[in-house]
């Protein structure tokens, strides 16, 4: 199968079909000493594509993925803090209303 070569300026994180920026690597392999073969999948529409890119493009894509994962991690931490704060507020209200007592925690 002939794998198309991609422009080094193409943003690999963007899906060619639906234009979302949820494209993730499925597989990769060194193609030759200056290129990588990539198999990519869109998390939004499930479009698959295979391509060969220059090392610099593969490196930039790797950095874009790392940046995206860091953003997801920060969002998850923020949501977790918000969720814990809400749970603490509910628990405090339950304590104030005498809806929870020590016997609720007995084994």
N, C-alpha and C. Protein backbone atom coordinates (compact mmCIF):
# COMPACT_ATOMS: atom_id res chain seq x y z
N UNK A 1 0.83 -1.17 0.00
CA UNK A 1 0.00 0.00 0.00
C UNK A 1 0.89 1.24 0.00
N UNK A 2 0.57 2.19 -0.85
CA UNK A 2 1.33 3.44 -0.90
C UNK A 2 0.78 4.38 0.15
N UNK A 3 1.65 4.88 1.01
CA UNK A 3 1.26 5.80 2.08
C UNK A 3 1.59 7.21 1.62
N UNK A 4 0.62 8.11 1.65
CA UNK A 4 0.87 9.47 1.17
C UNK A 4 1.81 10.22 2.08
N UNK A 5 2.58 11.11 1.49
CA UNK A 5 3.44 12.00 2.27
C UNK A 5 2.65 13.27 2.57
N UNK A 6 2.86 13.80 3.73
CA UNK A 6 2.12 14.96 4.19
C UNK A 6 3.01 16.18 4.18
N UNK A 7 2.41 17.31 3.96
CA UNK A 7 3.14 18.57 4.04
C UNK A 7 3.66 18.75 5.46
N UNK A 8 4.87 19.24 5.64
CA UNK A 8 5.38 19.48 6.99
C UNK A 8 4.60 20.56 7.73
N UNK A 9 3.77 21.31 7.03
CA UNK A 9 3.00 22.38 7.65
C UNK A 9 1.61 21.94 8.05
N UNK A 10 1.24 20.72 7.74
CA UNK A 10 -0.08 20.19 8.09
C UNK A 10 -0.18 19.96 9.59
N UNK A 11 -1.28 20.38 10.20
CA UNK A 11 -1.50 20.15 11.62
C UNK A 11 -2.10 18.76 11.79
N UNK A 12 -1.31 17.84 12.30
CA UNK A 12 -1.74 16.45 12.41
C UNK A 12 -2.79 16.24 13.49
N UNK A 13 -2.99 17.22 14.37
CA UNK A 13 -3.99 17.07 15.41
C UNK A 13 -5.40 17.34 14.90
N UNK A 14 -5.52 17.88 13.68
CA UNK A 14 -6.82 18.23 13.11
C UNK A 14 -7.26 17.16 12.11
N UNK A 15 -8.50 16.68 12.28
CA UNK A 15 -9.06 15.66 11.40
C UNK A 15 -9.37 16.25 10.02
N UNK A 16 -9.00 15.55 8.98
CA UNK A 16 -9.27 16.02 7.63
C UNK A 16 -10.75 15.91 7.28
N UNK A 17 -11.47 14.99 7.92
CA UNK A 17 -12.88 14.78 7.61
C UNK A 17 -13.77 15.77 8.36
N UNK A 18 -13.66 15.80 9.70
CA UNK A 18 -14.60 16.60 10.49
C UNK A 18 -14.00 17.88 11.06
N UNK A 19 -12.69 18.08 10.89
CA UNK A 19 -11.95 19.27 11.31
C UNK A 19 -11.84 19.42 12.83
N UNK A 20 -12.19 18.40 13.60
CA UNK A 20 -12.01 18.48 15.04
C UNK A 20 -10.52 18.28 15.37
N UNK A 21 -10.14 18.67 16.56
CA UNK A 21 -8.73 18.54 16.93
C UNK A 21 -8.54 17.41 17.94
N UNK A 22 -9.16 16.27 17.65
CA UNK A 22 -9.09 15.10 18.53
C UNK A 22 -8.33 13.94 17.89
N UNK A 23 -7.39 14.20 17.02
CA UNK A 23 -6.67 13.15 16.32
C UNK A 23 -5.55 12.61 17.22
N UNK A 24 -5.56 11.29 17.38
CA UNK A 24 -4.57 10.64 18.24
C UNK A 24 -3.82 9.56 17.46
N UNK A 25 -2.62 9.24 17.89
CA UNK A 25 -1.87 8.18 17.20
C UNK A 25 -2.38 6.80 17.61
N UNK A 26 -2.50 5.94 16.62
CA UNK A 26 -2.85 4.54 16.87
C UNK A 26 -1.59 3.69 16.84
N UNK A 27 -0.70 4.02 15.91
CA UNK A 27 0.55 3.27 15.75
C UNK A 27 1.56 4.17 15.05
N UNK A 28 2.82 3.85 15.23
CA UNK A 28 3.87 4.58 14.51
C UNK A 28 5.08 3.67 14.35
N UNK A 29 5.90 3.99 13.39
CA UNK A 29 7.12 3.24 13.16
C UNK A 29 8.09 4.12 12.37
N UNK A 30 9.35 3.89 12.60
CA UNK A 30 10.35 4.61 11.83
C UNK A 30 10.26 4.13 10.38
N UNK A 31 10.10 5.08 9.46
CA UNK A 31 9.96 4.74 8.04
C UNK A 31 11.33 4.63 7.38
N UNK A 32 12.17 5.60 7.63
CA UNK A 32 13.57 5.59 7.21
C UNK A 32 14.32 6.51 8.15
N UNK A 33 15.52 6.90 7.80
CA UNK A 33 16.31 7.69 8.75
C UNK A 33 15.83 9.13 8.94
N UNK A 34 14.87 9.59 8.13
CA UNK A 34 14.37 10.97 8.26
C UNK A 34 12.85 11.08 8.30
N UNK A 35 12.16 9.94 8.34
CA UNK A 35 10.69 9.97 8.28
C UNK A 35 10.07 8.94 9.22
N UNK A 36 8.84 9.25 9.63
CA UNK A 36 8.05 8.34 10.45
C UNK A 36 6.76 7.99 9.74
N UNK A 37 6.35 6.73 9.87
CA UNK A 37 5.03 6.29 9.42
C UNK A 37 4.10 6.41 10.62
N UNK A 38 2.93 7.03 10.42
CA UNK A 38 1.95 7.21 11.49
C UNK A 38 0.60 6.67 11.06
N UNK A 39 -0.08 6.06 11.98
CA UNK A 39 -1.47 5.70 11.82
C UNK A 39 -2.24 6.53 12.83
N UNK A 40 -3.15 7.36 12.35
CA UNK A 40 -3.87 8.31 13.19
C UNK A 40 -5.37 8.04 13.14
N UNK A 41 -6.05 8.34 14.26
CA UNK A 41 -7.50 8.14 14.35
C UNK A 41 -8.11 9.37 14.99
N UNK A 42 -9.24 9.81 14.43
CA UNK A 42 -9.97 10.93 15.00
C UNK A 42 -10.88 10.42 16.10
N UNK A 43 -10.77 10.99 17.27
CA UNK A 43 -11.63 10.59 18.38
C UNK A 43 -13.06 11.06 18.23
N UNK A 44 -13.30 12.02 17.35
CA UNK A 44 -14.64 12.56 17.13
C UNK A 44 -15.43 11.73 16.12
N UNK A 45 -14.85 11.52 14.94
CA UNK A 45 -15.60 10.83 13.86
C UNK A 45 -15.03 9.46 13.52
N UNK A 46 -13.95 9.05 14.16
CA UNK A 46 -13.31 7.74 13.99
C UNK A 46 -12.61 7.57 12.64
N UNK A 47 -12.37 8.66 11.92
CA UNK A 47 -11.65 8.57 10.65
C UNK A 47 -10.22 8.09 10.91
N UNK A 48 -9.75 7.19 10.08
CA UNK A 48 -8.39 6.68 10.17
C UNK A 48 -7.59 7.18 8.98
N UNK A 49 -6.32 7.43 9.21
CA UNK A 49 -5.43 7.76 8.10
C UNK A 49 -4.02 7.31 8.43
N UNK A 50 -3.30 6.97 7.40
CA UNK A 50 -1.89 6.60 7.51
C UNK A 50 -1.10 7.57 6.66
N UNK A 51 0.06 7.96 7.18
CA UNK A 51 0.89 8.88 6.43
C UNK A 51 2.33 8.75 6.87
N UNK A 52 3.21 9.27 6.04
CA UNK A 52 4.63 9.35 6.35
C UNK A 52 4.97 10.82 6.46
N UNK A 53 5.65 11.17 7.56
CA UNK A 53 6.00 12.57 7.80
C UNK A 53 7.48 12.68 8.13
N UNK A 54 8.00 13.86 7.94
CA UNK A 54 9.40 14.13 8.30
C UNK A 54 9.55 14.08 9.82
N UNK A 55 10.77 13.82 10.28
CA UNK A 55 11.05 13.77 11.71
C UNK A 55 10.57 15.03 12.43
N UNK A 56 10.80 16.20 11.84
CA UNK A 56 10.41 17.46 12.48
C UNK A 56 8.90 17.54 12.66
N UNK A 57 8.15 17.07 11.69
CA UNK A 57 6.69 17.08 11.79
C UNK A 57 6.22 16.11 12.86
N UNK A 58 6.84 14.94 12.91
CA UNK A 58 6.49 13.95 13.94
C UNK A 58 6.82 14.50 15.32
N UNK A 59 7.93 15.20 15.44
CA UNK A 59 8.32 15.78 16.72
C UNK A 59 7.33 16.87 17.14
N UNK A 60 6.93 17.71 16.20
CA UNK A 60 5.96 18.77 16.50
C UNK A 60 4.63 18.16 16.92
N UNK A 61 4.22 17.08 16.24
CA UNK A 61 2.97 16.39 16.61
C UNK A 61 3.08 15.82 18.02
N UNK A 62 4.23 15.25 18.36
CA UNK A 62 4.45 14.72 19.70
C UNK A 62 4.34 15.83 20.74
N UNK A 63 4.90 16.99 20.46
CA UNK A 63 4.79 18.13 21.38
C UNK A 63 3.35 18.61 21.51
N UNK A 64 2.62 18.63 20.38
CA UNK A 64 1.21 19.02 20.42
C UNK A 64 0.40 18.04 21.27
N UNK A 65 0.69 16.75 21.14
CA UNK A 65 0.00 15.75 21.95
C UNK A 65 0.31 15.93 23.43
N UNK A 66 1.56 16.17 23.75
CA UNK A 66 1.95 16.36 25.15
C UNK A 66 1.26 17.60 25.73
N UNK A 67 1.20 18.67 24.95
CA UNK A 67 0.53 19.89 25.40
C UNK A 67 -0.96 19.62 25.63
N UNK A 68 -1.58 18.89 24.73
CA UNK A 68 -2.99 18.54 24.88
C UNK A 68 -3.25 17.68 26.10
N UNK A 69 -2.36 16.72 26.35
CA UNK A 69 -2.50 15.86 27.53
C UNK A 69 -2.33 16.68 28.81
N UNK A 70 -1.43 17.65 28.80
CA UNK A 70 -1.25 18.51 29.97
C UNK A 70 -2.51 19.34 30.22
N UNK A 71 -3.12 19.85 29.15
CA UNK A 71 -4.36 20.62 29.28
C UNK A 71 -5.47 19.75 29.86
N UNK A 72 -5.57 18.52 29.38
CA UNK A 72 -6.58 17.59 29.90
C UNK A 72 -6.32 17.30 31.38
N UNK A 73 -5.06 17.11 31.74
CA UNK A 73 -4.71 16.85 33.13
C UNK A 73 -5.09 18.01 34.04
N UNK A 74 -4.83 19.24 33.60
CA UNK A 74 -5.19 20.41 34.39
C UNK A 74 -6.71 20.54 34.53
N UNK A 75 -7.43 20.27 33.45
CA UNK A 75 -8.89 20.33 33.51
C UNK A 75 -9.43 19.26 34.47
N UNK A 76 -8.85 18.08 34.43
CA UNK A 76 -9.27 17.00 35.32
C UNK A 76 -9.02 17.38 36.78
N UNK A 77 -7.85 17.95 37.07
CA UNK A 77 -7.55 18.39 38.44
C UNK A 77 -8.55 19.45 38.90
N UNK A 78 -8.87 20.41 38.03
CA UNK A 78 -9.83 21.46 38.38
C UNK A 78 -11.21 20.86 38.66
N UNK A 79 -11.67 19.95 37.79
CA UNK A 79 -12.96 19.32 37.99
C UNK A 79 -12.98 18.49 39.27
N UNK A 80 -11.88 17.81 39.56
CA UNK A 80 -11.80 17.00 40.77
C UNK A 80 -11.87 17.90 42.01
N UNK A 81 -11.17 19.03 41.99
CA UNK A 81 -11.23 19.97 43.13
C UNK A 81 -12.65 20.50 43.31
N UNK A 82 -13.30 20.86 42.20
CA UNK A 82 -14.67 21.37 42.27
C UNK A 82 -15.62 20.31 42.83
N UNK A 83 -15.46 19.08 42.38
CA UNK A 83 -16.30 17.98 42.85
C UNK A 83 -16.09 17.74 44.34
N UNK A 84 -14.84 17.74 44.78
CA UNK A 84 -14.55 17.53 46.20
C UNK A 84 -15.12 18.68 47.04
N UNK A 85 -15.03 19.91 46.56
CA UNK A 85 -15.59 21.06 47.28
C UNK A 85 -17.10 20.93 47.41
N UNK A 86 -17.76 20.49 46.33
CA UNK A 86 -19.21 20.29 46.38
C UNK A 86 -19.57 19.19 47.38
N UNK A 87 -18.82 18.10 47.37
CA UNK A 87 -19.09 17.01 48.30
C UNK A 87 -18.86 17.45 49.74
N UNK A 88 -17.84 18.26 49.99
CA UNK A 88 -17.57 18.76 51.33
C UNK A 88 -18.71 19.68 51.79
N UNK A 89 -19.21 20.51 50.88
CA UNK A 89 -20.32 21.40 51.23
C UNK A 89 -21.58 20.61 51.56
N UNK A 90 -21.86 19.58 50.80
CA UNK A 90 -23.03 18.73 51.07
C UNK A 90 -22.86 18.03 52.43
N UNK A 91 -21.67 17.52 52.70
CA UNK A 91 -21.41 16.85 53.96
C UNK A 91 -21.54 17.83 55.13
N UNK A 92 -21.01 19.05 54.96
CA UNK A 92 -21.12 20.06 56.02
C UNK A 92 -22.58 20.41 56.30
N UNK A 93 -23.37 20.53 55.25
CA UNK A 93 -24.80 20.81 55.42
C UNK A 93 -25.48 19.66 56.13
N UNK A 94 -25.15 18.44 55.77
CA UNK A 94 -25.73 17.27 56.43
C UNK A 94 -25.37 17.24 57.91
N UNK A 95 -24.15 17.63 58.25
CA UNK A 95 -23.74 17.71 59.66
C UNK A 95 -24.53 18.79 60.40
N UNK A 96 -24.67 19.95 59.77
CA UNK A 96 -25.40 21.06 60.38
C UNK A 96 -26.87 20.71 60.64
N UNK A 97 -27.43 19.94 59.73
CA UNK A 97 -28.84 19.56 59.87
C UNK A 97 -29.01 18.29 60.71
N UNK A 98 -27.92 17.83 61.27
CA UNK A 98 -27.90 16.63 62.11
C UNK A 98 -28.43 15.39 61.36
N UNK A 99 -28.11 15.34 60.08
CA UNK A 99 -28.50 14.20 59.25
C UNK A 99 -27.44 13.10 59.26
N UNK A 100 -26.26 13.43 59.75
CA UNK A 100 -25.15 12.49 59.80
C UNK A 100 -24.59 12.50 61.21
N UNK A 101 -24.35 11.32 61.72
CA UNK A 101 -23.77 11.21 63.06
C UNK A 101 -22.64 10.20 63.07
N UNK A 102 -22.01 10.08 64.20
CA UNK A 102 -20.87 9.16 64.35
C UNK A 102 -21.27 7.72 64.06
N UNK A 103 -22.50 7.37 64.40
CA UNK A 103 -22.95 6.00 64.17
C UNK A 103 -23.05 5.66 62.68
N UNK A 104 -23.12 6.67 61.81
CA UNK A 104 -23.13 6.42 60.37
C UNK A 104 -21.79 5.89 59.88
N UNK A 105 -20.75 6.06 60.71
CA UNK A 105 -19.41 5.63 60.31
C UNK A 105 -18.94 4.42 61.09
N UNK A 106 -19.79 3.86 61.95
CA UNK A 106 -19.44 2.67 62.72
C UNK A 106 -19.40 1.46 61.81
N UNK A 107 -18.56 0.55 62.17
CA UNK A 107 -18.45 -0.66 61.34
C UNK A 107 -19.42 -1.66 61.80
